[in-house]
Amino acid sequence: MKRREWLQLSGKAALALGLGPIILTERAKGANDRIRIGVIGPGARGTDLMREAYEAGKDLNAEIVAVCDVWRRNLERAANLVKQWYGREPLKFVAHEDLLVSKEVDAVIIATADFQHARHLIDAMKAGKDAYCEKPMANDLAEANECLRVWQQTNCIVQIGTQRRSDGRWAEAAELIQSGILGTITRVECQWHFYGPRWRRPNDVKEAEKDPSQIDWHRFLMNKPKRPFDPHRFVEWRLYRDYSSGLIDQWMSHIIDLVHWLTGEKFPKSAVAHGGIFLWKDGRENEDVITVLFEYPKGFLCSFSASLTNSAGGPEVTIRGTNGSFDSGTWTITGEGGGESRLKETVKVKAKPSTSHMRNWLECIRTRQQPNATVEHGYQHSIACIMAAQALWEGKRVAFDPIKRKLIWM
């Protein structure tokens, strides 16, 4: 397709969304050009990201100029914070489409609910906005595929919020492991454990229930099944399958992204999973204990376990090869468990220079280079999370075809 034809077609699609034609963002911002940021979803996590943008923006000439939220409470809190920082009121929106068509905004931070990330990112890229998007990038396969396709068609600078990609310790570990120091890798073990009824927020639920008129419930649901207003689903959406896979979307997205980085893999070959609600029987739909097992094309198994029932556990990532083991708890590579060619001396992982994930994104907006966690990386962790969730919920083994970009049930 010729560039002009593509622009015409994509422009029509964007117009259907009320966003105007797609903009190809090619111009590098000069050092004196202010980067004007809009924040979509300034809740708890969104406010943390706002603070990071405020700090990084002090010497990168970046400023938050707009905020958008479906809950008036969050919208006003964020606006007051912006006024406190910069001495002036930001633009305020309930509909993200209205923020995206604003010529006052160059880039957006997306920190909405898991199931909303992909749609907001797609719309942002179609509107020509650079974006920082929280993980998981997508938890729906069709939307994940669309995210990747739209990103490939634009020049938007997108940072996905898997912030370990900006940590120098993991960068050094990835370089060492990809050098072949561990020999043939056959086992990767990952875990993340916590004790408590995670993601229950009773005070916020009470506040939402007290005045639903302050909430655009229909806009929150987007394309999910319509239902009467439910303050639990609105505030505690991580616990319900329509909106999130819980432990998978929230925690495994981080860890499986590391596995891909450390091993050089992109997508699991297949996945099986099991879990249940064994302790917190409080009306939640998502499991409080899970185990996921992936097979990867290079020939190794990767296990991921997570729970909300006991915080004891080992390192986030352990990799076992024929020459030894990597342990992210001690940041060492040793000959533990290796064969005849095992390592004789311990290798301490020395950190490369680290950077703020937010700062990396803002710097890349100026240089037009891709940041540390691209949409490709986000697509890869999204596919793994989608596979895990479907395997868990359906009780079946699921595979992924990276050519056709679709799931295959086995």
Protein backbone atom coordinates (compact mmCIF):
# COMPACT_ATOMS: atom_id res chain seq x y z
CA MET A 1 0.00 0.00 0.00
CA LYS A 2 1.31 3.44 -0.92
CA ARG A 3 1.83 5.92 1.89
CA ARG A 4 -0.92 8.23 0.60
CA GLU A 5 -3.43 5.36 0.37
CA TRP A 6 -2.56 4.19 3.86
CA LEU A 7 -2.99 7.68 5.28
CA GLN A 8 -6.40 7.96 3.65
CA LEU A 9 -7.59 4.62 5.05
CA SER A 10 -6.12 5.10 8.49
CA GLY A 11 -7.43 8.64 8.60
CA LYS A 12 -10.97 7.38 7.96
CA ALA A 13 -10.61 4.82 10.74
CA ALA A 14 -9.36 7.47 13.13
CA LEU A 15 -12.17 9.81 12.16
CA ALA A 16 -14.62 7.06 13.03
CA LEU A 17 -13.14 7.12 16.50
CA GLY A 18 -13.51 10.87 16.64
CA LEU A 19 -9.75 11.37 16.70
CA GLY A 20 -9.04 13.00 13.36
CA PRO A 21 -6.42 11.66 10.91
CA ILE A 22 -3.37 9.74 12.08
CA ILE A 23 -0.35 11.96 12.49
CA LEU A 24 3.13 10.70 11.67
CA THR A 25 5.33 12.23 14.35
CA GLU A 26 8.72 12.67 12.68
CA ARG A 27 10.18 15.87 14.07
CA ALA A 28 12.67 15.50 16.89
CA LYS A 29 11.95 17.92 19.69
CA GLY A 30 14.67 20.44 20.31
CA ALA A 31 16.12 21.06 23.73
CA ASN A 32 14.06 24.24 24.08
CA ASP A 33 10.75 22.71 23.01
CA ARG A 34 8.47 21.96 25.91
CA ILE A 35 7.05 18.42 26.01
CA ARG A 36 3.42 18.82 27.00
CA ILE A 37 2.03 15.75 28.74
CA GLY A 38 -1.53 14.58 29.31
CA VAL A 39 -2.33 11.94 31.93
CA ILE A 40 -5.10 9.42 31.25
CA GLY A 41 -6.05 7.69 34.49
CA PRO A 42 -4.44 9.66 37.36
CA GLY A 43 -5.46 7.22 40.11
CA ALA A 44 -2.99 5.71 42.57
CA ARG A 45 -0.52 4.36 40.00
CA GLY A 46 -1.16 7.27 37.66
CA THR A 47 -0.28 9.74 40.42
CA ASP A 48 3.02 7.91 41.00
CA LEU A 49 3.83 8.27 37.32
CA MET A 50 2.83 11.93 37.39
CA ARG A 51 5.38 12.50 40.16
CA GLU A 52 8.05 10.74 38.11
CA ALA A 53 7.22 12.88 35.10
CA TYR A 54 7.30 16.03 37.21
CA GLU A 55 10.75 15.20 38.62
CA ALA A 56 12.24 14.07 35.30
CA GLY A 57 10.66 16.99 33.51
CA LYS A 58 12.47 19.61 35.60
CA ASP A 59 15.61 19.40 33.50
CA LEU A 60 14.04 17.93 30.36
CA ASN A 61 11.57 20.78 29.86
CA ALA A 62 8.48 18.59 30.19
CA GLU A 63 5.24 19.65 31.84
CA ILE A 64 1.91 18.02 32.64
CA VAL A 65 -0.75 20.17 30.97
CA ALA A 66 -3.85 17.95 30.96
CA VAL A 67 -5.52 15.24 33.05
CA CYS A 68 -8.33 12.83 32.21
CA ASP A 69 -10.36 10.47 34.40
CA VAL A 70 -13.85 8.99 34.51
CA TRP A 71 -14.03 9.64 38.29
CA ARG A 72 -14.42 13.31 39.15
CA ARG A 73 -12.59 12.75 42.44
CA ASN A 74 -9.41 11.56 40.76
CA LEU A 75 -9.69 14.24 38.11
CA GLU A 76 -9.86 17.06 40.65
CA ARG A 77 -7.09 15.59 42.82
CA ALA A 78 -4.79 15.35 39.83
CA ALA A 79 -5.65 18.85 38.65
CA ASN A 80 -4.90 20.27 42.10
CA LEU A 81 -1.55 18.51 42.15
CA VAL A 82 -0.62 19.89 38.75
CA LYS A 83 -1.60 23.40 39.86
CA GLN A 84 0.52 22.97 42.98
CA TRP A 85 3.54 21.99 40.89
CA TYR A 86 3.27 24.46 38.02
CA GLY A 87 1.11 27.27 39.39
CA ARG A 88 -1.61 26.88 36.77
CA GLU A 89 -4.66 24.73 36.12
CA PRO A 90 -4.33 21.87 33.63
CA LEU A 91 -6.92 21.03 31.00
CA LYS A 92 -9.45 18.55 32.42
CA PHE A 93 -11.26 15.81 30.49
CA VAL A 94 -13.54 12.87 31.21
CA ALA A 95 -13.33 11.41 27.68
CA HIS A 96 -9.83 10.39 26.58
CA GLU A 97 -10.75 11.15 22.96
CA ASP A 98 -11.18 14.81 23.87
CA LEU A 99 -7.72 14.93 25.42
CA LEU A 100 -6.16 13.21 22.40
CA VAL A 101 -7.48 15.74 19.89
CA SER A 102 -6.11 18.63 21.93
CA LYS A 103 -3.28 20.46 20.18
CA GLU A 104 -1.98 21.41 23.63
CA VAL A 105 -0.83 17.83 24.28
CA ASP A 106 2.25 16.19 22.73
CA ALA A 107 2.41 12.95 24.71
CA VAL A 108 0.32 10.96 27.17
CA ILE A 109 0.79 8.78 30.22
CA ILE A 110 -1.73 5.92 30.30
CA ALA A 111 -2.40 4.44 33.75
CA THR A 112 -5.95 3.16 33.47
CA ALA A 113 -7.35 -0.32 34.22
CA ASP A 114 -5.66 -3.34 32.62
CA PHE A 115 -8.39 -3.89 30.04
CA GLN A 116 -8.30 -0.23 28.96
CA HIS A 117 -4.56 0.09 28.27
CA ALA A 118 -4.60 -1.21 24.71
CA ARG A 119 -7.57 0.85 23.55
CA HIS A 120 -6.17 4.04 25.04
CA LEU A 121 -2.73 3.35 23.54
CA ILE A 122 -4.15 2.58 20.10
CA ASP A 123 -6.16 5.79 20.12
CA ALA A 124 -3.15 7.79 21.34
CA MET A 125 -0.90 6.49 18.57
CA LYS A 126 -3.58 7.12 15.95
CA ALA A 127 -3.77 10.69 17.22
CA GLY A 128 0.00 11.06 16.82
CA LYS A 129 0.77 11.20 20.54
CA ASP A 130 3.85 9.60 22.06
CA ALA A 131 2.88 7.47 25.05
CA TYR A 132 3.99 5.91 28.31
CA CYS A 133 1.62 2.99 28.86
CA GLU A 134 1.35 0.89 32.00
CA LYS A 135 1.58 -2.88 31.79
CA PRO A 136 0.13 -5.17 30.70
CA MET A 137 0.05 -3.50 27.33
CA ALA A 138 -3.00 -5.60 26.39
CA ASN A 139 -4.99 -8.50 27.81
CA ASP A 140 -7.09 -9.13 24.70
CA LEU A 141 -5.45 -10.77 21.67
CA ALA A 142 -7.21 -8.70 19.01
CA GLU A 143 -6.26 -5.48 20.78
CA ALA A 144 -2.68 -6.66 21.29
CA ASN A 145 -2.42 -7.34 17.56
CA GLU A 146 -3.88 -3.92 16.78
CA CYS A 147 -1.44 -2.20 19.16
CA LEU A 148 1.50 -3.75 17.37
CA ARG A 149 0.10 -2.97 13.93
CA VAL A 150 -0.64 0.69 14.67
CA TRP A 151 2.76 1.21 16.32
CA GLN A 152 4.49 -0.24 13.27
CA GLN A 153 2.57 2.19 11.06
CA THR A 154 3.47 5.28 13.06
CA ASN A 155 6.61 6.87 14.43
CA CYS A 156 5.26 7.23 17.96
CA ILE A 157 7.67 6.83 20.86
CA VAL A 158 6.02 4.39 23.24
CA GLN A 159 7.41 3.20 26.56
CA ILE A 160 5.64 0.24 28.19
CA GLY A 161 5.72 0.31 31.99
CA THR A 162 7.85 -2.80 32.58
CA GLN A 163 10.38 -0.62 34.38
CA ARG A 164 12.93 -3.36 35.04
CA ARG A 165 14.01 -2.75 31.44
CA SER A 166 15.67 0.45 32.72
CA ASP A 167 17.44 -1.31 35.63
CA GLY A 168 21.17 -1.75 35.04
CA ARG A 169 21.34 -4.98 37.04
CA TRP A 170 18.93 -6.72 34.70
CA ALA A 171 20.70 -5.24 31.67
CA GLU A 172 24.01 -6.75 32.81
CA ALA A 173 22.36 -10.08 33.64
CA ALA A 174 20.77 -10.23 30.20
CA GLU A 175 24.10 -9.58 28.50
CA LEU A 176 25.88 -12.27 30.52
CA ILE A 177 23.17 -14.92 30.07
CA GLN A 178 22.76 -14.27 26.36
CA SER A 179 26.54 -14.72 25.99
CA GLY A 180 26.01 -18.41 26.74
CA ILE A 181 27.69 -18.46 30.15
CA LEU A 182 25.08 -20.90 31.53
CA GLY A 183 25.42 -23.37 28.67
CA THR A 184 22.19 -24.99 27.51
CA ILE A 185 19.23 -23.57 29.46
CA THR A 186 16.42 -26.00 30.18
CA ARG A 187 14.71 -24.59 33.30
CA VAL A 188 13.58 -21.10 34.31
CA GLU A 189 11.82 -20.68 37.66
CA CYS A 190 9.92 -17.49 38.56
CA GLN A 191 7.83 -16.49 41.54
CA TRP A 192 6.15 -13.56 43.29
CA HIS A 193 4.32 -14.02 46.59
CA PHE A 194 2.39 -11.80 49.00
CA TYR A 195 0.13 -12.28 52.00
CA GLY A 196 -3.10 -10.34 52.18
CA PRO A 197 -6.42 -9.62 50.36
CA ARG A 198 -4.54 -7.71 47.68
CA TRP A 199 -6.43 -5.13 45.62
CA ARG A 200 -9.36 -4.80 48.01
CA ARG A 201 -9.89 -1.05 48.62
CA PRO A 202 -12.86 -0.70 51.01
CA ASN A 203 -12.48 3.04 51.64
CA ASP A 204 -12.49 3.86 47.93
CA VAL A 205 -15.42 1.50 47.36
CA LYS A 206 -17.44 3.37 50.02
CA GLU A 207 -16.57 6.70 48.45
CA ALA A 208 -17.55 5.53 44.97
CA GLU A 209 -20.79 4.03 46.27
CA LYS A 210 -21.69 7.25 48.07
CA ASP A 211 -21.91 9.35 44.90
CA PRO A 212 -22.00 7.37 41.60
CA SER A 213 -22.98 10.55 39.75
CA GLN A 214 -19.30 11.54 39.91
CA ILE A 215 -18.36 8.46 37.85
CA ASP A 216 -18.86 7.83 34.12
CA TRP A 217 -19.60 4.12 34.55
CA HIS A 218 -20.49 3.56 30.89
CA ARG A 219 -17.17 5.00 29.74
CA PHE A 220 -15.30 2.91 32.31
CA LEU A 221 -16.82 -0.32 30.95
CA MET A 222 -15.80 0.54 27.36
CA ASN A 223 -16.54 -2.64 25.35
CA LYS A 224 -17.08 -4.93 28.35
CA PRO A 225 -20.51 -6.38 29.23
CA LYS A 226 -22.96 -3.73 30.33
CA ARG A 227 -24.19 -4.01 33.92
CA PRO A 228 -25.59 -1.76 36.65
CA PHE A 229 -23.04 0.35 38.48
CA ASP A 230 -20.92 -1.77 40.82
CA PRO A 231 -18.47 0.12 43.06
CA HIS A 232 -16.46 -3.05 43.67
CA ARG A 233 -15.93 -3.68 39.97
CA PHE A 234 -15.15 -0.02 39.42
CA VAL A 235 -12.55 0.31 42.18
CA GLU A 236 -11.36 -3.30 42.59
CA TRP A 237 -11.36 -4.27 38.91
CA ARG A 238 -8.17 -6.38 39.32
CA LEU A 239 -10.28 -9.03 41.07
CA TYR A 240 -12.72 -9.60 38.20
CA ARG A 241 -12.09 -11.53 34.99
CA ASP A 242 -13.85 -9.09 32.69
CA TYR A 243 -11.14 -6.55 33.41
CA SER A 244 -7.96 -8.35 34.51
CA SER A 245 -6.38 -11.74 35.10
CA GLY A 246 -5.13 -10.56 38.50
CA LEU A 247 -1.82 -12.16 39.40
CA ILE A 248 -1.01 -12.76 35.73
CA ASP A 249 -1.67 -9.26 34.38
CA GLN A 250 -0.34 -7.49 37.44
CA TRP A 251 2.76 -9.51 38.33
CA MET A 252 3.60 -12.08 35.70
CA SER A 253 3.73 -9.36 33.04
CA HIS A 254 6.83 -7.96 34.76
CA ILE A 255 8.56 -11.30 35.30
CA ILE A 256 7.85 -12.90 31.92
CA ASP A 257 9.20 -9.76 30.27
CA LEU A 258 12.45 -10.40 32.14
CA VAL A 259 12.49 -14.03 31.01
CA HIS A 260 12.20 -12.91 27.39
CA TRP A 261 14.99 -10.37 27.87
CA LEU A 262 17.35 -12.75 29.68
CA THR A 263 16.90 -15.67 27.29
CA GLY A 264 16.38 -13.82 24.01
CA GLU A 265 13.00 -15.49 23.49
CA LYS A 266 9.89 -13.68 22.24
CA PHE A 267 6.84 -15.88 22.68
CA PRO A 268 6.03 -19.09 24.54
CA LYS A 269 5.42 -22.12 22.37
CA SER A 270 2.65 -23.37 24.67
CA ALA A 271 1.18 -22.84 28.13
CA VAL A 272 -0.72 -24.71 30.82
CA ALA A 273 -1.89 -23.28 34.14
CA HIS A 274 -3.76 -24.10 37.31
CA GLY A 275 -4.93 -22.17 40.34
CA GLY A 276 -7.80 -21.35 42.61
CA ILE A 277 -9.26 -19.15 45.33
CA PHE A 278 -8.05 -21.00 48.39
CA LEU A 279 -8.00 -18.31 51.09
CA TRP A 280 -9.65 -15.00 50.16
CA LYS A 281 -13.22 -16.18 49.53
CA ASP A 282 -14.57 -12.65 49.46
CA GLY A 283 -16.40 -12.56 46.14
CA ARG A 284 -13.34 -12.15 43.92
CA GLU A 285 -13.19 -14.04 40.62
CA ASN A 286 -9.43 -14.10 40.10
CA GLU A 287 -7.31 -16.72 41.82
CA ASP A 288 -5.22 -16.11 44.94
CA VAL A 289 -2.79 -18.96 44.07
CA ILE A 290 -1.62 -19.82 40.55
CA THR A 291 1.09 -21.77 38.74
CA VAL A 292 1.80 -21.31 35.03
CA LEU A 293 4.11 -23.50 32.95
CA PHE A 294 5.44 -22.35 29.57
CA GLU A 295 7.40 -24.23 26.96
CA TYR A 296 9.66 -22.04 24.80
CA PRO A 297 10.90 -22.71 21.25
CA LYS A 298 14.58 -22.80 22.28
CA GLY A 299 13.85 -25.84 24.41
CA PHE A 300 13.22 -24.94 28.03
CA LEU A 301 10.37 -24.85 30.51
CA CYS A 302 9.54 -21.70 32.46
CA SER A 303 7.40 -21.88 35.58
CA PHE A 304 5.72 -18.91 37.24
CA SER A 305 4.02 -19.19 40.62
CA ALA A 306 2.29 -16.43 42.55
CA SER A 307 0.03 -16.22 45.57
CA LEU A 308 -1.69 -13.92 48.02
CA THR A 309 -1.69 -16.51 50.81
CA ASN A 310 1.93 -16.68 52.00
CA SER A 311 4.72 -14.20 51.33
CA ALA A 312 7.58 -16.71 51.64
CA GLY A 313 9.44 -17.58 48.48
CA GLY A 314 12.68 -17.43 46.60
CA PRO A 315 14.19 -15.05 44.02
CA GLU A 316 12.07 -13.54 41.26
CA VAL A 317 14.01 -15.39 38.56
CA THR A 318 16.30 -18.44 38.66
CA ILE A 319 17.77 -19.86 35.45
CA ARG A 320 19.28 -23.35 35.30
CA GLY A 321 21.74 -24.32 32.58
CA THR A 322 24.23 -27.12 31.96
CA ASN A 323 27.08 -24.88 33.22
CA GLY A 324 25.35 -23.54 36.32
CA SER A 325 22.65 -21.20 37.61
CA PHE A 326 21.64 -17.54 37.71
CA ASP A 327 19.98 -16.29 40.91
CA SER A 328 18.34 -12.85 40.89
CA GLY A 329 18.18 -12.87 44.69
CA THR A 330 21.96 -12.84 45.09
CA TRP A 331 22.73 -11.42 41.64
CA THR A 332 25.22 -14.19 40.98
CA ILE A 333 25.99 -16.76 38.32
CA THR A 334 27.50 -19.90 39.80
CA GLY A 335 28.27 -23.49 38.85
CA GLU A 336 25.41 -24.72 41.03
CA GLY A 337 23.81 -27.82 39.55
CA GLY A 338 25.98 -27.80 36.42
CA GLY A 339 27.70 -30.75 34.78
CA GLU A 340 31.32 -31.38 33.92
CA SER A 341 31.72 -27.96 32.28
CA ARG A 342 30.17 -26.10 35.19
CA LEU A 343 31.54 -22.74 36.25
CA LYS A 344 34.37 -22.95 38.76
CA GLU A 345 34.10 -19.39 40.03
CA THR A 346 31.18 -17.21 41.04
CA VAL A 347 30.37 -14.35 38.67
CA LYS A 348 28.85 -11.36 40.42
CA VAL A 349 26.40 -9.42 38.25
CA LYS A 350 27.67 -5.83 38.22
CA ALA A 351 25.03 -3.27 37.39
CA LYS A 352 25.22 -1.22 34.24
CA PRO A 353 24.12 2.42 34.59
CA SER A 354 20.42 2.61 35.43
CA THR A 355 17.97 5.32 34.48
CA SER A 356 14.47 6.34 35.41
CA HIS A 357 12.03 4.57 33.09
CA MET A 358 10.11 7.83 32.76
CA ARG A 359 13.24 9.83 32.04
CA ASN A 360 14.27 7.34 29.35
CA TRP A 361 10.91 7.89 27.65
CA LEU A 362 11.14 11.69 27.78
CA GLU A 363 14.69 11.64 26.43
CA CYS A 364 13.59 9.39 23.58
CA ILE A 365 10.76 11.77 22.69
CA ARG A 366 13.48 14.31 21.93
CA THR A 367 15.84 11.99 20.05
CA ARG A 368 13.07 9.93 18.35
CA GLN A 369 14.92 6.77 19.33
CA GLN A 370 12.90 3.89 20.73
CA PRO A 371 12.95 3.59 24.55
CA ASN A 372 13.95 0.61 26.70
CA ALA A 373 10.54 -1.13 26.74
CA THR A 374 9.00 -0.88 23.30
CA VAL A 375 5.62 -1.97 21.98
CA GLU A 376 7.33 -5.10 20.64
CA HIS A 377 8.37 -6.01 24.18
CA GLY A 378 4.88 -5.15 25.40
CA TYR A 379 3.34 -7.34 22.71
CA GLN A 380 5.52 -10.26 23.74
CA HIS A 381 4.61 -10.09 27.44
CA SER A 382 0.96 -9.52 26.51
CA ILE A 383 0.86 -12.71 24.44
CA ALA A 384 2.37 -14.71 27.32
CA CYS A 385 -0.17 -13.25 29.78
CA ILE A 386 -3.10 -13.89 27.44
CA MET A 387 -1.94 -17.49 26.92
CA ALA A 388 -1.59 -18.04 30.67
CA ALA A 389 -5.01 -16.57 31.48
CA GLN A 390 -6.77 -18.58 28.80
CA ALA A 391 -5.01 -21.80 29.82
CA LEU A 392 -5.98 -21.15 33.46
CA TRP A 393 -9.61 -20.31 32.79
CA GLU A 394 -10.25 -22.96 30.14
CA GLY A 395 -8.23 -25.75 31.77
CA LYS A 396 -6.55 -26.53 28.44
CA ARG A 397 -3.12 -26.32 26.88
CA VAL A 398 -2.80 -23.36 24.56
CA ALA A 399 -0.20 -22.58 21.90
CA PHE A 400 0.58 -19.41 19.94
CA ASP A 401 1.20 -19.05 16.20
CA PRO A 402 3.51 -16.00 15.82
CA ILE A 403 2.95 -15.86 12.05
CA LYS A 404 -0.85 -15.80 12.11
CA ARG A 405 -0.82 -14.14 15.56
CA LYS A 406 -3.50 -16.35 16.98
CA LEU A 407 -4.00 -18.87 19.79
CA ILE A 408 -4.24 -22.59 19.10
CA TRP A 409 -5.98 -24.95 21.53
CA MET A 410 -4.26 -28.29 22.02
